[in-house]
């Protein structure tokens, strides 16, 4: 599903940016120590946190469609 793929990419990009800023995993969010419990793979996030990534994914997809783009998956098989 494209929405889930985009949500996973959104989370990965968020994690990459946080790590680049010096954030690390911590069991509770602590801005002073730059720790977040969300610095885990997408599949390990609680559903409540995944929801934020899904909201962003849906908004991006909707905006692309509004701008006239069409999202479709290419067939991986090459037919001769």
N, C-alpha and C. Protein backbone atom coordinates (compact mmCIF):
# COMPACT_ATOMS: atom_id res chain seq x y z
N UNK A 1 0.85 -1.18 0.00
CA UNK A 1 0.00 0.00 0.00
C UNK A 1 0.90 1.25 0.00
N UNK A 2 0.63 2.14 -0.89
CA UNK A 2 1.48 3.32 -1.06
C UNK A 2 1.48 4.20 0.20
N UNK A 3 0.36 4.31 0.88
CA UNK A 3 0.31 5.15 2.08
C UNK A 3 1.27 4.62 3.14
N UNK A 4 1.30 3.32 3.33
CA UNK A 4 2.20 2.74 4.32
C UNK A 4 3.66 2.93 3.90
N UNK A 5 3.95 2.74 2.63
CA UNK A 5 5.32 2.94 2.15
C UNK A 5 5.78 4.38 2.39
N UNK A 6 4.91 5.33 2.12
CA UNK A 6 5.26 6.73 2.33
C UNK A 6 5.39 7.01 3.83
N UNK A 7 4.50 6.45 4.64
CA UNK A 7 4.58 6.64 6.09
C UNK A 7 5.91 6.11 6.63
N UNK A 8 6.33 4.96 6.13
CA UNK A 8 7.62 4.40 6.55
C UNK A 8 8.78 5.33 6.15
N UNK A 9 8.69 5.88 4.96
CA UNK A 9 9.73 6.80 4.49
C UNK A 9 9.75 8.09 5.32
N UNK A 10 8.58 8.57 5.68
CA UNK A 10 8.47 9.77 6.52
C UNK A 10 9.15 9.51 7.86
N UNK A 11 8.87 8.36 8.45
CA UNK A 11 9.48 8.03 9.75
C UNK A 11 10.99 7.90 9.61
N UNK A 12 11.44 7.24 8.57
CA UNK A 12 12.88 7.06 8.35
C UNK A 12 13.57 8.42 8.19
N UNK A 13 12.96 9.33 7.45
CA UNK A 13 13.54 10.67 7.26
C UNK A 13 13.56 11.43 8.58
N UNK A 14 12.49 11.31 9.36
CA UNK A 14 12.44 11.96 10.67
C UNK A 14 13.55 11.42 11.57
N UNK A 15 13.71 10.09 11.60
CA UNK A 15 14.76 9.48 12.41
C UNK A 15 16.14 9.96 11.98
N UNK A 16 16.37 9.98 10.68
CA UNK A 16 17.67 10.41 10.15
C UNK A 16 17.99 11.84 10.58
N UNK A 17 16.99 12.72 10.50
CA UNK A 17 17.19 14.11 10.89
C UNK A 17 17.47 14.23 12.39
N UNK A 18 16.73 13.48 13.19
CA UNK A 18 16.94 13.51 14.64
C UNK A 18 18.34 13.02 15.00
N UNK A 19 18.75 11.92 14.43
CA UNK A 19 20.08 11.36 14.73
C UNK A 19 21.16 12.37 14.31
N UNK A 20 20.97 13.01 13.17
CA UNK A 20 21.93 14.02 12.71
C UNK A 20 22.02 15.20 13.69
N UNK A 21 20.93 15.46 14.40
CA UNK A 21 20.90 16.53 15.40
C UNK A 21 21.41 16.07 16.76
N UNK A 22 21.83 14.79 16.85
CA UNK A 22 22.39 14.29 18.10
C UNK A 22 21.43 13.55 19.00
N UNK A 23 20.22 13.27 18.52
CA UNK A 23 19.24 12.55 19.33
C UNK A 23 19.58 11.07 19.38
N UNK A 24 19.20 10.44 20.48
CA UNK A 24 19.37 9.00 20.66
C UNK A 24 18.08 8.42 21.22
N UNK A 25 18.02 7.09 21.24
CA UNK A 25 16.86 6.42 21.82
C UNK A 25 16.86 6.63 23.34
N UNK A 26 15.69 6.82 23.88
CA UNK A 26 15.49 6.86 25.33
C UNK A 26 14.08 6.39 25.61
N UNK A 27 13.85 5.76 26.75
CA UNK A 27 12.53 5.20 27.04
C UNK A 27 11.43 6.25 27.17
N UNK A 28 11.83 7.49 27.46
CA UNK A 28 10.88 8.61 27.54
C UNK A 28 11.48 9.79 26.77
N UNK A 29 10.61 10.61 26.21
CA UNK A 29 11.11 11.80 25.52
C UNK A 29 11.75 12.74 26.52
N UNK A 30 12.96 13.18 26.19
CA UNK A 30 13.68 14.12 27.04
C UNK A 30 14.41 15.09 26.11
N UNK A 31 13.85 16.28 25.96
CA UNK A 31 14.42 17.26 25.04
C UNK A 31 15.81 17.73 25.48
N UNK A 32 16.04 17.85 26.77
CA UNK A 32 17.36 18.28 27.26
C UNK A 32 18.44 17.28 26.87
N UNK A 33 18.14 16.01 27.03
CA UNK A 33 19.10 14.96 26.71
C UNK A 33 19.03 14.51 25.25
N UNK A 34 18.08 15.07 24.53
CA UNK A 34 17.84 14.69 23.13
C UNK A 34 17.61 13.18 23.01
N UNK A 35 16.61 12.71 23.76
CA UNK A 35 16.23 11.29 23.72
C UNK A 35 14.76 11.17 23.34
N UNK A 36 14.48 10.14 22.56
CA UNK A 36 13.10 9.90 22.14
C UNK A 36 12.84 8.40 22.06
N UNK A 37 11.69 7.96 22.54
CA UNK A 37 11.33 6.55 22.42
C UNK A 37 10.89 6.18 21.00
N UNK A 38 10.78 7.17 20.14
CA UNK A 38 10.35 6.92 18.76
C UNK A 38 11.50 6.67 17.80
N UNK A 39 12.72 6.67 18.32
CA UNK A 39 13.88 6.38 17.47
C UNK A 39 14.05 4.86 17.37
N UNK A 40 13.05 4.26 16.79
CA UNK A 40 13.01 2.81 16.57
C UNK A 40 12.46 2.58 15.17
N UNK A 41 12.65 1.38 14.61
CA UNK A 41 12.05 1.09 13.30
C UNK A 41 10.53 1.29 13.33
N UNK A 42 9.98 1.63 12.19
CA UNK A 42 8.55 1.91 12.06
C UNK A 42 7.70 0.80 12.67
N UNK A 43 8.05 -0.46 12.42
CA UNK A 43 7.26 -1.58 12.92
C UNK A 43 7.22 -1.66 14.44
N UNK A 44 8.17 -1.03 15.11
CA UNK A 44 8.22 -1.07 16.57
C UNK A 44 7.51 0.11 17.22
N UNK A 45 7.03 1.05 16.42
CA UNK A 45 6.31 2.20 16.97
C UNK A 45 4.93 1.77 17.47
N UNK A 46 4.45 2.41 18.53
CA UNK A 46 3.06 2.17 18.92
C UNK A 46 2.14 2.76 17.85
N UNK A 47 0.96 2.21 17.74
CA UNK A 47 0.01 2.68 16.71
C UNK A 47 -0.25 4.18 16.83
N UNK A 48 -0.26 4.71 18.04
CA UNK A 48 -0.52 6.14 18.23
C UNK A 48 0.56 6.99 17.57
N UNK A 49 1.80 6.50 17.54
CA UNK A 49 2.89 7.24 16.89
C UNK A 49 2.90 7.03 15.39
N UNK A 50 2.55 5.83 14.95
CA UNK A 50 2.45 5.57 13.51
C UNK A 50 1.42 6.49 12.87
N UNK A 51 0.40 6.83 13.64
CA UNK A 51 -0.68 7.67 13.13
C UNK A 51 -0.15 9.00 12.59
N UNK A 52 0.85 9.59 13.25
CA UNK A 52 1.43 10.86 12.78
C UNK A 52 2.05 10.69 11.39
N UNK A 53 2.75 9.56 11.20
CA UNK A 53 3.38 9.32 9.90
C UNK A 53 2.34 9.07 8.82
N UNK A 54 1.26 8.38 9.17
CA UNK A 54 0.18 8.14 8.21
C UNK A 54 -0.50 9.45 7.82
N UNK A 55 -0.69 10.34 8.78
CA UNK A 55 -1.31 11.64 8.48
C UNK A 55 -0.44 12.40 7.48
N UNK A 56 0.85 12.42 7.73
CA UNK A 56 1.77 13.12 6.81
C UNK A 56 1.76 12.47 5.43
N UNK A 57 1.80 11.13 5.40
CA UNK A 57 1.80 10.41 4.12
C UNK A 57 0.53 10.73 3.33
N UNK A 58 -0.61 10.68 3.99
CA UNK A 58 -1.88 10.95 3.30
C UNK A 58 -1.91 12.39 2.78
N UNK A 59 -1.37 13.32 3.55
CA UNK A 59 -1.36 14.72 3.12
C UNK A 59 -0.46 14.91 1.90
N UNK A 60 0.69 14.26 1.88
CA UNK A 60 1.61 14.36 0.74
C UNK A 60 0.96 13.76 -0.51
N UNK A 61 0.38 12.59 -0.36
CA UNK A 61 -0.27 11.93 -1.50
C UNK A 61 -1.42 12.78 -2.03
N UNK A 62 -2.22 13.32 -1.13
CA UNK A 62 -3.35 14.16 -1.55
C UNK A 62 -2.87 15.40 -2.29
N UNK A 63 -1.79 16.01 -1.80
CA UNK A 63 -1.26 17.21 -2.44
C UNK A 63 -0.71 16.90 -3.82
N UNK A 64 0.00 15.78 -3.95
CA UNK A 64 0.51 15.39 -5.27
C UNK A 64 -0.65 15.18 -6.26
N UNK A 65 -1.72 14.54 -5.82
CA UNK A 65 -2.88 14.34 -6.70
C UNK A 65 -3.52 15.67 -7.06
N UNK A 66 -3.62 16.56 -6.07
CA UNK A 66 -4.18 17.89 -6.31
C UNK A 66 -3.36 18.66 -7.34
N UNK A 67 -2.06 18.43 -7.35
CA UNK A 67 -1.16 19.11 -8.28
C UNK A 67 -1.16 18.46 -9.66
N UNK A 68 -1.93 17.37 -9.81
CA UNK A 68 -2.05 16.74 -11.11
C UNK A 68 -1.18 15.51 -11.31
N UNK A 69 -0.49 15.08 -10.27
CA UNK A 69 0.35 13.90 -10.39
C UNK A 69 -0.49 12.64 -10.20
N UNK A 70 -0.02 11.60 -10.82
CA UNK A 70 -0.68 10.30 -10.70
C UNK A 70 0.35 9.34 -10.12
N UNK A 71 -0.07 8.58 -9.13
CA UNK A 71 0.84 7.63 -8.51
C UNK A 71 0.44 6.23 -8.95
N UNK A 72 1.38 5.56 -9.59
CA UNK A 72 1.11 4.19 -10.01
C UNK A 72 2.38 3.38 -9.92
N UNK A 73 2.22 2.11 -9.65
CA UNK A 73 3.36 1.22 -9.50
C UNK A 73 3.75 0.66 -10.85
N UNK A 74 5.04 0.68 -11.12
CA UNK A 74 5.53 0.11 -12.36
C UNK A 74 5.58 -1.41 -12.25
N UNK A 75 5.26 -2.08 -13.34
CA UNK A 75 5.34 -3.53 -13.38
C UNK A 75 6.81 -3.91 -13.42
N UNK A 76 7.22 -4.77 -12.50
CA UNK A 76 8.63 -5.16 -12.42
C UNK A 76 9.01 -6.19 -13.50
N UNK A 77 8.03 -6.85 -14.06
CA UNK A 77 8.32 -7.83 -15.12
C UNK A 77 8.48 -7.12 -16.45
N UNK A 78 9.50 -7.53 -17.18
CA UNK A 78 9.72 -6.98 -18.52
C UNK A 78 9.19 -8.01 -19.51
N UNK A 79 8.23 -7.61 -20.31
CA UNK A 79 7.64 -8.52 -21.30
C UNK A 79 8.20 -8.20 -22.68
N UNK A 80 8.58 -9.23 -23.40
CA UNK A 80 9.11 -8.97 -24.75
C UNK A 80 8.13 -9.38 -25.81
